[in-house]
Amino acid sequence: MHSLNMYHDFAVAVSFVACIAGLLLLWDCKQQTCEAEETEQILFRMSFSYWLVYCVAFGIQRIVTPDWQFMLMSLKITTALSYFLTFSCILSLPLHKLAVHRIQE
């Protein structure tokens, strides 16, 4: 069971770095795009940002001692909310593409 936690911790650390790289790649402020592409970029930024919040809260959760119940509980709530917000942004991407495709037809 300990090795499973170690793999999950490693995956969260790698995804933290990947989120930072993803946000840096999306950092193009001068690009003129249509409204649909702009909405898609915003959804990508939101999903990377929410997952970044998840990774930070998960990492702090590993550091905080169990004596601080209030802080530990708020970190668990933060990780759960950011996880669900990331999921909703990722789910919204194909739905947005489908809606734009239907409007263009």
PDB file of N, CA and C in Angstrom:
ATOM      1  N   MET A   1       0.825  -1.204   0.000  1.00  0.00           N
ATOM      2  CA  MET A   1       0.000   0.000   0.000  1.00  0.00           C
ATOM      3  C   MET A   1       0.862   1.257   0.000  1.00  0.00           C
ATOM      4  N   HIS A   2       2.024   1.174   0.678  1.00  0.00           N
ATOM      5  CA  HIS A   2       2.911   2.332   0.726  1.00  0.00           C
ATOM      6  C   HIS A   2       3.446   2.673  -0.662  1.00  0.00           C
ATOM      7  N   SER A   3       3.754   1.655  -1.469  1.00  0.00           N
ATOM      8  CA  SER A   3       4.271   1.919  -2.811  1.00  0.00           C
ATOM      9  C   SER A   3       3.204   2.547  -3.701  1.00  0.00           C
ATOM     10  N   LEU A   4       1.941   2.200  -3.483  1.00  0.00           N
ATOM     11  CA  LEU A   4       0.861   2.803  -4.252  1.00  0.00           C
ATOM     12  C   LEU A   4       0.757   4.295  -3.942  1.00  0.00           C
ATOM     13  N   ASN A   5       0.896   4.665  -2.675  1.00  0.00           N
ATOM     14  CA  ASN A   5       0.890   6.080  -2.298  1.00  0.00           C
ATOM     15  C   ASN A   5       2.080   6.807  -2.892  1.00  0.00           C
ATOM     16  N   MET A   6       3.221   6.127  -2.952  1.00  0.00           N
ATOM     17  CA  MET A   6       4.413   6.750  -3.511  1.00  0.00           C
ATOM     18  C   MET A   6       4.226   7.024  -5.005  1.00  0.00           C
ATOM     19  N   TYR A   7       3.615   6.096  -5.724  1.00  0.00           N
ATOM     20  CA  TYR A   7       3.352   6.305  -7.150  1.00  0.00           C
ATOM     21  C   TYR A   7       2.343   7.442  -7.363  1.00  0.00           C
ATOM     22  N   HIS A   8       1.339   7.519  -6.512  1.00  0.00           N
ATOM     23  CA  HIS A   8       0.366   8.603  -6.632  1.00  0.00           C
ATOM     24  C   HIS A   8       1.028   9.946  -6.341  1.00  0.00           C
ATOM     25  N   ASP A   9       1.864  10.004  -5.308  1.00  0.00           N
ATOM     26  CA  ASP A   9       2.582  11.238  -5.000  1.00  0.00           C
ATOM     27  C   ASP A   9       3.474  11.653  -6.159  1.00  0.00           C
ATOM     28  N   PHE A  10       4.150  10.683  -6.768  1.00  0.00           N
ATOM     29  CA  PHE A  10       5.011  10.977  -7.912  1.00  0.00           C
ATOM     30  C   PHE A  10       4.186  11.473  -9.104  1.00  0.00           C
ATOM     31  N   ALA A  11       3.042  10.863  -9.343  1.00  0.00           N
ATOM     32  CA  ALA A  11       2.177  11.286 -10.446  1.00  0.00           C
ATOM     33  C   ALA A  11       1.650  12.698 -10.223  1.00  0.00           C
ATOM     34  N   VAL A  12       1.320  13.038  -8.991  1.00  0.00           N
ATOM     35  CA  VAL A  12       0.857  14.393  -8.690  1.00  0.00           C
ATOM     36  C   VAL A  12       1.990  15.390  -8.883  1.00  0.00           C
ATOM     37  N   ALA A  13       3.206  15.029  -8.489  1.00  0.00           N
ATOM     38  CA  ALA A  13       4.350  15.927  -8.674  1.00  0.00           C
ATOM     39  C   ALA A  13       4.642  16.150 -10.156  1.00  0.00           C
ATOM     40  N   VAL A  14       4.570  15.097 -10.953  1.00  0.00           N
ATOM     41  CA  VAL A  14       4.800  15.237 -12.392  1.00  0.00           C
ATOM     42  C   VAL A  14       3.686  16.065 -13.036  1.00  0.00           C
ATOM     43  N   SER A  15       2.447  15.839 -12.614  1.00  0.00           N
ATOM     44  CA  SER A  15       1.347  16.619 -13.187  1.00  0.00           C
ATOM     45  C   SER A  15       1.406  18.076 -12.753  1.00  0.00           C
ATOM     46  N   PHE A  16       1.994  18.371 -11.593  1.00  0.00           N
ATOM     47  CA  PHE A  16       2.208  19.756 -11.169  1.00  0.00           C
ATOM     48  C   PHE A  16       3.130  20.473 -12.153  1.00  0.00           C
ATOM     49  N   VAL A  17       4.229  19.817 -12.504  1.00  0.00           N
ATOM     50  CA  VAL A  17       5.170  20.396 -13.473  1.00  0.00           C
ATOM     51  C   VAL A  17       4.511  20.509 -14.846  1.00  0.00           C
ATOM     52  N   ALA A  18       3.726  19.517 -15.220  1.00  0.00           N
ATOM     53  CA  ALA A  18       3.042  19.554 -16.509  1.00  0.00           C
ATOM     54  C   ALA A  18       2.012  20.681 -16.566  1.00  0.00           C
ATOM     55  N   CYS A  19       1.354  20.953 -15.451  1.00  0.00           N
ATOM     56  CA  CYS A  19       0.387  22.067 -15.419  1.00  0.00           C
ATOM     57  C   CYS A  19       1.078  23.405 -15.611  1.00  0.00           C
ATOM     58  N   ILE A  20       2.216  23.558 -14.973  1.00  0.00           N
ATOM     59  CA  ILE A  20       2.966  24.805 -15.148  1.00  0.00           C
ATOM     60  C   ILE A  20       3.408  24.946 -16.607  1.00  0.00           C
ATOM     61  N   ALA A  21       3.889  23.847 -17.192  1.00  0.00           N
ATOM     62  CA  ALA A  21       4.288  23.886 -18.604  1.00  0.00           C
ATOM     63  C   ALA A  21       3.093  24.180 -19.507  1.00  0.00           C
ATOM     64  N   GLY A  22       1.945  23.600 -19.212  1.00  0.00           N
ATOM     65  CA  GLY A  22       0.748  23.858 -19.997  1.00  0.00           C
ATOM     66  C   GLY A  22       0.291  25.300 -19.912  1.00  0.00           C
ATOM     67  N   LEU A  23       0.348  25.867 -18.726  1.00  0.00           N
ATOM     68  CA  LEU A  23      -0.034  27.269 -18.576  1.00  0.00           C
ATOM     69  C   LEU A  23       0.949  28.191 -19.279  1.00  0.00           C
ATOM     70  N   LEU A  24       2.233  27.839 -19.260  1.00  0.00           N
ATOM     71  CA  LEU A  24       3.220  28.655 -19.978  1.00  0.00           C
ATOM     72  C   LEU A  24       3.007  28.573 -21.486  1.00  0.00           C
ATOM     73  N   LEU A  25       2.626  27.397 -21.985  1.00  0.00           N
ATOM     74  CA  LEU A  25       2.355  27.269 -23.418  1.00  0.00           C
ATOM     75  C   LEU A  25       1.110  28.053 -23.843  1.00  0.00           C
ATOM     76  N   LEU A  26       0.159  28.164 -22.949  1.00  0.00           N
ATOM     77  CA  LEU A  26      -1.069  28.905 -23.271  1.00  0.00           C
ATOM     78  C   LEU A  26      -0.937  30.410 -23.025  1.00  0.00           C
ATOM     79  N   TRP A  27       0.219  30.856 -22.621  1.00  0.00           N
ATOM     80  CA  TRP A  27       0.433  32.255 -22.270  1.00  0.00           C
ATOM     81  C   TRP A  27       0.723  33.068 -23.523  1.00  0.00           C
ATOM     82  N   ASP A  28      -0.194  33.169 -24.425  1.00  0.00           N
ATOM     83  CA  ASP A  28      -0.032  33.953 -25.642  1.00  0.00           C
ATOM     84  C   ASP A  28      -1.111  35.016 -25.654  1.00  0.00           C
ATOM     85  N   CYS A  29      -0.769  36.199 -25.166  1.00  0.00           N
ATOM     86  CA  CYS A  29      -1.768  37.259 -24.988  1.00  0.00           C
ATOM     87  C   CYS A  29      -2.075  38.021 -26.272  1.00  0.00           C
ATOM     88  N   LYS A  30      -1.169  38.040 -27.249  1.00  0.00           N
ATOM     89  CA  LYS A  30      -1.339  38.889 -28.425  1.00  0.00           C
ATOM     90  C   LYS A  30      -2.011  38.192 -29.600  1.00  0.00           C
ATOM     91  N   GLN A  31      -2.369  36.947 -29.432  1.00  0.00           N
ATOM     92  CA  GLN A  31      -2.966  36.199 -30.533  1.00  0.00           C
ATOM     93  C   GLN A  31      -4.431  36.597 -30.717  1.00  0.00           C
ATOM     94  N   GLN A  32      -4.789  36.977 -31.942  1.00  0.00           N
ATOM     95  CA  GLN A  32      -6.157  37.343 -32.269  1.00  0.00           C
ATOM     96  C   GLN A  32      -6.894  36.089 -32.725  1.00  0.00           C
ATOM     97  N   THR A  33      -7.893  35.673 -31.973  1.00  0.00           N
ATOM     98  CA  THR A  33      -8.646  34.472 -32.330  1.00  0.00           C
ATOM     99  C   THR A  33     -10.134  34.786 -32.291  1.00  0.00           C
ATOM    100  N   CYS A  34     -10.904  33.856 -32.815  1.00  0.00           N
ATOM    101  CA  CYS A  34     -12.347  34.020 -32.760  1.00  0.00           C
ATOM    102  C   CYS A  34     -12.837  33.670 -31.356  1.00  0.00           C
ATOM    103  N   GLU A  35     -14.092  33.923 -31.126  1.00  0.00           N
ATOM    104  CA  GLU A  35     -14.664  33.729 -29.802  1.00  0.00           C
ATOM    105  C   GLU A  35     -14.653  32.261 -29.371  1.00  0.00           C
ATOM    106  N   ALA A  36     -14.867  31.356 -30.305  1.00  0.00           N
ATOM    107  CA  ALA A  36     -14.881  29.931 -29.972  1.00  0.00           C
ATOM    108  C   ALA A  36     -13.501  29.446 -29.541  1.00  0.00           C
ATOM    109  N   GLU A  37     -12.459  29.868 -30.244  1.00  0.00           N
ATOM    110  CA  GLU A  37     -11.099  29.477 -29.873  1.00  0.00           C
ATOM    111  C   GLU A  37     -10.683  30.114 -28.558  1.00  0.00           C
ATOM    112  N   GLU A  38     -11.130  31.327 -28.328  1.00  0.00           N
ATOM    113  CA  GLU A  38     -10.822  32.005 -27.073  1.00  0.00           C
ATOM    114  C   GLU A  38     -11.483  31.287 -25.894  1.00  0.00           C
ATOM    115  N   THR A  39     -12.708  30.853 -26.083  1.00  0.00           N
ATOM    116  CA  THR A  39     -13.401  30.101 -25.034  1.00  0.00           C
ATOM    117  C   THR A  39     -12.696  28.777 -24.775  1.00  0.00           C
ATOM    118  N   GLU A  40     -12.227  28.134 -25.826  1.00  0.00           N
ATOM    119  CA  GLU A  40     -11.499  26.877 -25.671  1.00  0.00           C
ATOM    120  C   GLU A  40     -10.193  27.086 -24.901  1.00  0.00           C
ATOM    121  N   GLN A  41      -9.482  28.171 -25.199  1.00  0.00           N
ATOM    122  CA  GLN A  41      -8.254  28.468 -24.463  1.00  0.00           C
ATOM    123  C   GLN A  41      -8.542  28.763 -22.998  1.00  0.00           C
ATOM    124  N   ILE A  42      -9.633  29.445 -22.732  1.00  0.00           N
ATOM    125  CA  ILE A  42     -10.004  29.739 -21.347  1.00  0.00           C
ATOM    126  C   ILE A  42     -10.322  28.457 -20.598  1.00  0.00           C
ATOM    127  N   LEU A  43     -11.030  27.533 -21.248  1.00  0.00           N
ATOM    128  CA  LEU A  43     -11.325  26.249 -20.610  1.00  0.00           C
ATOM    129  C   LEU A  43     -10.047  25.457 -20.328  1.00  0.00           C
ATOM    130  N   PHE A  44      -9.097  25.495 -21.265  1.00  0.00           N
ATOM    131  CA  PHE A  44      -7.821  24.832 -21.032  1.00  0.00           C
ATOM    132  C   PHE A  44      -7.083  25.465 -19.853  1.00  0.00           C
ATOM    133  N   ARG A  45      -7.042  26.793 -19.828  1.00  0.00           N
ATOM    134  CA  ARG A  45      -6.369  27.488 -18.716  1.00  0.00           C
ATOM    135  C   ARG A  45      -7.027  27.172 -17.378  1.00  0.00           C
ATOM    136  N   MET A  46      -8.346  27.138 -17.378  1.00  0.00           N
ATOM    137  CA  MET A  46      -9.064  26.828 -16.139  1.00  0.00           C
ATOM    138  C   MET A  46      -8.761  25.411 -15.679  1.00  0.00           C
ATOM    139  N   SER A  47      -8.745  24.459 -16.597  1.00  0.00           N
ATOM    140  CA  SER A  47      -8.476  23.082 -16.191  1.00  0.00           C
ATOM    141  C   SER A  47      -7.051  22.942 -15.659  1.00  0.00           C
ATOM    142  N   PHE A  48      -6.077  23.574 -16.316  1.00  0.00           N
ATOM    143  CA  PHE A  48      -4.707  23.536 -15.801  1.00  0.00           C
ATOM    144  C   PHE A  48      -4.605  24.232 -14.441  1.00  0.00           C
ATOM    145  N   SER A  49      -5.277  25.352 -14.296  1.00  0.00           N
ATOM    146  CA  SER A  49      -5.208  26.095 -13.027  1.00  0.00           C
ATOM    147  C   SER A  49      -5.858  25.333 -11.891  1.00  0.00           C
ATOM    148  N   TYR A  50      -7.019  24.759 -12.138  1.00  0.00           N
ATOM    149  CA  TYR A  50      -7.682  23.990 -11.086  1.00  0.00           C
ATOM    150  C   TYR A  50      -6.855  22.763 -10.699  1.00  0.00           C
ATOM    151  N   TRP A  51      -6.234  22.115 -11.684  1.00  0.00           N
ATOM    152  CA  TRP A  51      -5.410  20.951 -11.348  1.00  0.00           C
ATOM    153  C   TRP A  51      -4.154  21.380 -10.597  1.00  0.00           C
ATOM    154  N   LEU A  52      -3.644  22.559 -10.899  1.00  0.00           N
ATOM    155  CA  LEU A  52      -2.508  23.098 -10.159  1.00  0.00           C
ATOM    156  C   LEU A  52      -2.880  23.341  -8.702  1.00  0.00           C
ATOM    157  N   VAL A  53      -4.078  23.862  -8.478  1.00  0.00           N
ATOM    158  CA  VAL A  53      -4.563  24.047  -7.105  1.00  0.00           C
ATOM    159  C   VAL A  53      -4.691  22.700  -6.406  1.00  0.00           C
ATOM    160  N   TYR A  54      -5.174  21.688  -7.121  1.00  0.00           N
ATOM    161  CA  TYR A  54      -5.277  20.349  -6.547  1.00  0.00           C
ATOM    162  C   TYR A  54      -3.902  19.834  -6.131  1.00  0.00           C
ATOM    163  N   CYS A  55      -2.919  19.987  -7.009  1.00  0.00           N
ATOM    164  CA  CYS A  55      -1.572  19.480  -6.706  1.00  0.00           C
ATOM    165  C   CYS A  55      -0.964  20.193  -5.498  1.00  0.00           C
ATOM    166  N   VAL A  56      -1.133  21.499  -5.413  1.00  0.00           N
ATOM    167  CA  VAL A  56      -0.589  22.252  -4.285  1.00  0.00           C
ATOM    168  C   VAL A  56      -1.295  21.852  -2.992  1.00  0.00           C
ATOM    169  N   ALA A  57      -2.603  21.777  -3.013  1.00  0.00           N
ATOM    170  CA  ALA A  57      -3.341  21.394  -1.803  1.00  0.00           C
ATOM    171  C   ALA A  57      -3.011  19.968  -1.389  1.00  0.00           C
ATOM    172  N   PHE A  58      -2.846  19.071  -2.356  1.00  0.00           N
ATOM    173  CA  PHE A  58      -2.478  17.690  -2.045  1.00  0.00           C
ATOM    174  C   PHE A  58      -1.085  17.636  -1.414  1.00  0.00           C
ATOM    175  N   GLY A  59      -0.153  18.427  -1.955  1.00  0.00           N
ATOM    176  CA  GLY A  59       1.199  18.464  -1.400  1.00  0.00           C
ATOM    177  C   GLY A  59       1.234  19.025   0.008  1.00  0.00           C
ATOM    178  N   ILE A  60       0.474  20.071   0.252  1.00  0.00           N
ATOM    179  CA  ILE A  60       0.419  20.650   1.603  1.00  0.00           C
ATOM    180  C   ILE A  60      -0.240  19.678   2.560  1.00  0.00           C
ATOM    181  N   GLN A  61      -1.205  18.921   2.073  1.00  0.00           N
ATOM    182  CA  GLN A  61      -1.871  17.916   2.902  1.00  0.00           C
ATOM    183  C   GLN A  61      -0.879  16.877   3.412  1.00  0.00           C
ATOM    184  N   ARG A  62       0.097  16.541   2.609  1.00  0.00           N
ATOM    185  CA  ARG A  62       1.115  15.564   3.014  1.00  0.00           C
ATOM    186  C   ARG A  62       2.055  16.136   4.077  1.00  0.00           C
ATOM    187  N   ILE A  63       2.210  17.451   4.097  1.00  0.00           N
ATOM    188  CA  ILE A  63       3.142  18.098   5.030  1.00  0.00           C
ATOM    189  C   ILE A  63       2.489  18.390   6.377  1.00  0.00           C
ATOM    190  N   VAL A  64       1.223  18.769   6.370  1.00  0.00           N
ATOM    191  CA  VAL A  64       0.521  19.195   7.585  1.00  0.00           C
ATOM    192  C   VAL A  64       0.371  18.019   8.543  1.00  0.00           C
ATOM    193  N   THR A  65       0.623  18.285   9.794  1.00  0.00           N
ATOM    194  CA  THR A  65       0.471  17.242  10.811  1.00  0.00           C
ATOM    195  C   THR A  65      -1.006  17.029  11.130  1.00  0.00           C
ATOM    196  N   PRO A  66      -1.369  15.829  11.583  1.00  0.00           N
ATOM    197  CA  PRO A  66      -2.779  15.547  11.900  1.00  0.00           C
ATOM    198  C   PRO A  66      -3.310  16.360  13.095  1.00  0.00           C
ATOM    199  N   ASP A  67      -2.429  17.036  13.809  1.00  0.00           N
ATOM    200  CA  ASP A  67      -2.873  17.839  14.944  1.00  0.00           C
ATOM    201  C   ASP A  67      -3.688  19.055  14.511  1.00  0.00           C
ATOM    202  N   TRP A  68      -3.458  19.535  13.321  1.00  0.00           N
ATOM    203  CA  TRP A  68      -4.160  20.704  12.820  1.00  0.00           C
ATOM    204  C   TRP A  68      -5.396  20.252  12.049  1.00  0.00           C
ATOM    205  N   GLN A  69      -6.420  19.879  12.755  1.00  0.00           N
ATOM    206  CA  GLN A  69      -7.627  19.312  12.149  1.00  0.00           C
ATOM    207  C   GLN A  69      -8.330  20.285  11.214  1.00  0.00           C
ATOM    208  N   PHE A  70      -8.428  21.559  11.641  1.00  0.00           N
ATOM    209  CA  PHE A  70      -9.145  22.544  10.831  1.00  0.00           C
ATOM    210  C   PHE A  70      -8.451  22.761   9.493  1.00  0.00           C
ATOM    211  N   MET A  71      -7.139  22.892   9.517  1.00  0.00           N
ATOM    212  CA  MET A  71      -6.400  23.118   8.274  1.00  0.00           C
ATOM    213  C   MET A  71      -6.433  21.875   7.386  1.00  0.00           C
ATOM    214  N   LEU A  72      -6.340  20.715   7.984  1.00  0.00           N
ATOM    215  CA  LEU A  72      -6.386  19.471   7.220  1.00  0.00           C
ATOM    216  C   LEU A  72      -7.747  19.283   6.549  1.00  0.00           C
ATOM    217  N   MET A  73      -8.807  19.620   7.265  1.00  0.00           N
ATOM    218  CA  MET A  73     -10.153  19.497   6.693  1.00  0.00           C
ATOM    219  C   MET A  73     -10.359  20.492   5.552  1.00  0.00           C
ATOM    220  N   SER A  74      -9.881  21.721   5.715  1.00  0.00           N
ATOM    221  CA  SER A  74     -10.033  22.706   4.648  1.00  0.00           C
ATOM    222  C   SER A  74      -9.203  22.324   3.425  1.00  0.00           C
ATOM    223  N   LEU A  75      -8.044  21.693   3.637  1.00  0.00           N
ATOM    224  CA  LEU A  75      -7.256  21.223   2.498  1.00  0.00           C
ATOM    225  C   LEU A  75      -7.949  20.075   1.774  1.00  0.00           C
ATOM    226  N   LYS A  76      -8.592  19.209   2.512  1.00  0.00           N
ATOM    227  CA  LYS A  76      -9.334  18.111   1.872  1.00  0.00           C
ATOM    228  C   LYS A  76     -10.505  18.642   1.060  1.00  0.00           C
ATOM    229  N   ILE A  77     -11.185  19.644   1.581  1.00  0.00           N
ATOM    230  CA  ILE A  77     -12.290  20.256   0.839  1.00  0.00           C
ATOM    231  C   ILE A  77     -11.768  20.952  -0.411  1.00  0.00           C
ATOM    232  N   THR A  78     -10.630  21.631  -0.286  1.00  0.00           N
ATOM    233  CA  THR A  78     -10.031  22.311  -1.433  1.00  0.00           C
ATOM    234  C   THR A  78      -9.632  21.321  -2.508  1.00  0.00           C
ATOM    235  N   THR A  79      -9.018  20.205  -2.114  1.00  0.00           N
ATOM    236  CA  THR A  79      -8.630  19.208  -3.116  1.00  0.00           C
ATOM    237  C   THR A  79      -9.857  18.609  -3.800  1.00  0.00           C
ATOM    238  N   ALA A  80     -10.901  18.351  -3.043  1.00  0.00           N
ATOM    239  CA  ALA A  80     -12.119  17.778  -3.646  1.00  0.00           C
ATOM    240  C   ALA A  80     -12.764  18.766  -4.616  1.00  0.00           C
ATOM    241  N   LEU A  81     -12.893  20.028  -4.218  1.00  0.00           N
ATOM    242  CA  LEU A  81     -13.500  21.024  -5.102  1.00  0.00           C
ATOM    243  C   LEU A  81     -12.675  21.256  -6.356  1.00  0.00           C
ATOM    244  N   SER A  82     -11.370  21.361  -6.208  1.00  0.00           N
ATOM    245  CA  SER A  82     -10.537  21.587  -7.391  1.00  0.00           C
ATOM    246  C   SER A  82     -10.538  20.374  -8.309  1.00  0.00           C
ATOM    247  N   TYR A  83     -10.637  19.173  -7.741  1.00  0.00           N
ATOM    248  CA  TYR A  83     -10.734  17.955  -8.552  1.00  0.00           C
ATOM    249  C   TYR A  83     -12.015  17.969  -9.387  1.00  0.00           C
ATOM    250  N   PHE A  84     -13.131  18.307  -8.762  1.00  0.00           N
ATOM    251  CA  PHE A  84     -14.401  18.336  -9.494  1.00  0.00           C
ATOM    252  C   PHE A  84     -14.464  19.487 -10.499  1.00  0.00           C
ATOM    253  N   LEU A  85     -13.858  20.630 -10.176  1.00  0.00           N
ATOM    254  CA  LEU A  85     -13.825  21.734 -11.134  1.00  0.00           C
ATOM    255  C   LEU A  85     -12.966  21.384 -12.341  1.00  0.00           C
ATOM    256  N   THR A  86     -11.844  20.692 -12.109  1.00  0.00           N
ATOM    257  CA  THR A  86     -11.015  20.230 -13.222  1.00  0.00           C
ATOM    258  C   THR A  86     -11.802  19.274 -14.107  1.00  0.00           C
ATOM    259  N   PHE A  87     -12.497  18.349 -13.491  1.00  0.00           N
ATOM    260  CA  PHE A  87     -13.305  17.386 -14.238  1.00  0.00           C
ATOM    261  C   PHE A  87     -14.372  18.097 -15.065  1.00  0.00           C
ATOM    262  N   SER A  88     -15.011  19.102 -14.485  1.00  0.00           N
ATOM    263  CA  SER A  88     -16.063  19.798 -15.223  1.00  0.00           C
ATOM    264  C   SER A  88     -15.497  20.599 -16.390  1.00  0.00           C
ATOM    265  N   CYS A  89     -14.310  21.187 -16.227  1.00  0.00           N
ATOM    266  CA  CYS A  89     -13.694  21.916 -17.339  1.00  0.00           C
ATOM    267  C   CYS A  89     -13.291  20.959 -18.461  1.00  0.00           C
ATOM    268  N   ILE A  90     -12.738  19.806 -18.093  1.00  0.00           N
ATOM    269  CA  ILE A  90     -12.339  18.831 -19.106  1.00  0.00           C
ATOM    270  C   ILE A  90     -13.561  18.281 -19.826  1.00  0.00           C
ATOM    271  N   LEU A  91     -14.650  18.097 -19.103  1.00  0.00           N
ATOM    272  CA  LEU A  91     -15.890  17.630 -19.719  1.00  0.00           C
ATOM    273  C   LEU A  91     -16.503  18.706 -20.611  1.00  0.00           C
ATOM    274  N   SER A  92     -16.310  19.961 -20.279  1.00  0.00           N
ATOM    275  CA  SER A  92     -16.876  21.058 -21.061  1.00  0.00           C
ATOM    276  C   SER A  92     -16.174  21.263 -22.395  1.00  0.00           C
ATOM    277  N   LEU A  93     -14.911  20.855 -22.497  1.00  0.00           N
ATOM    278  CA  LEU A  93     -14.178  21.067 -23.754  1.00  0.00           C
ATOM    279  C   LEU A  93     -14.831  20.372 -24.954  1.00  0.00           C
ATOM    280  N   PRO A  94     -15.079  19.060 -24.904  1.00  0.00           N
ATOM    281  CA  PRO A  94     -15.727  18.452 -26.078  1.00  0.00           C
ATOM    282  C   PRO A  94     -17.163  18.923 -26.277  1.00  0.00           C
ATOM    283  N   LEU A  95     -17.852  19.250 -25.202  1.00  0.00           N
ATOM    284  CA  LEU A  95     -19.213  19.774 -25.347  1.00  0.00           C
ATOM    285  C   LEU A  95     -19.203  21.126 -26.045  1.00  0.00           C
ATOM    286  N   HIS A  96     -18.209  21.945 -25.725  1.00  0.00           N
ATOM    287  CA  HIS A  96     -18.082  23.242 -26.380  1.00  0.00           C
ATOM    288  C   HIS A  96     -17.768  23.061 -27.865  1.00  0.00           C
ATOM    289  N   LYS A  97     -16.860  22.140 -28.183  1.00  0.00           N
ATOM    290  CA  LYS A  97     -16.534  21.882 -29.598  1.00  0.00           C
ATOM    291  C   LYS A  97     -17.754  21.389 -30.359  1.00  0.00           C
ATOM    292  N   LEU A  98     -18.537  20.536 -29.731  1.00  0.00           N
ATOM    293  CA  LEU A  98     -19.755  20.030 -30.365  1.00  0.00           C
ATOM    294  C   LEU A  98     -20.755  21.159 -30.601  1.00  0.00           C
ATOM    295  N   ALA A  99     -20.896  22.054 -29.640  1.00  0.00           N
ATOM    296  CA  ALA A  99     -21.822  23.173 -29.795  1.00  0.00           C
ATOM    297  C   ALA A  99     -21.363  24.116 -30.896  1.00  0.00           C
ATOM    298  N   VAL A 100     -20.079  24.388 -30.985  1.00  0.00           N
ATOM    299  CA  VAL A 100     -19.560  25.258 -32.042  1.00  0.00           C
ATOM    300  C   VAL A 100     -19.727  24.600 -33.401  1.00  0.00           C
ATOM    301  N   HIS A 101     -19.519  23.300 -33.471  1.00  0.00           N
ATOM    302  CA  HIS A 101     -19.682  22.570 -34.732  1.00  0.00           C
ATOM    303  C   HIS A 101     -21.127  22.627 -35.197  1.00  0.00           C
ATOM    304  N   ARG A 102     -22.064  22.495 -34.282  1.00  0.00           N
ATOM    305  CA  ARG A 102     -23.491  22.549 -34.646  1.00  0.00           C
ATOM    306  C   ARG A 102     -23.901  23.945 -35.085  1.00  0.00           C
ATOM    307  N   ILE A 103     -23.326  24.976 -34.470  1.00  0.00           N
ATOM    308  CA  ILE A 103     -23.669  26.342 -34.850  1.00  0.00           C
ATOM    309  C   ILE A 103     -23.147  26.628 -36.265  1.00  0.00           C
ATOM    310  N   GLN A 104     -21.962  26.114 -36.593  1.00  0.00           N
ATOM    311  CA  GLN A 104     -21.377  26.363 -37.918  1.00  0.00           C
ATOM    312  C   GLN A 104     -22.151  25.661 -39.017  1.00  0.00           C
ATOM    313  N   GLU A 105     -22.814  24.575 -38.714  1.00  0.00           N
ATOM    314  CA  GLU A 105     -23.606  23.884 -39.732  1.00  0.00           C
ATOM    315  C   GLU A 105     -24.819  24.666 -40.019  1.00  0.00           C
TER     316      GLU A 105
END
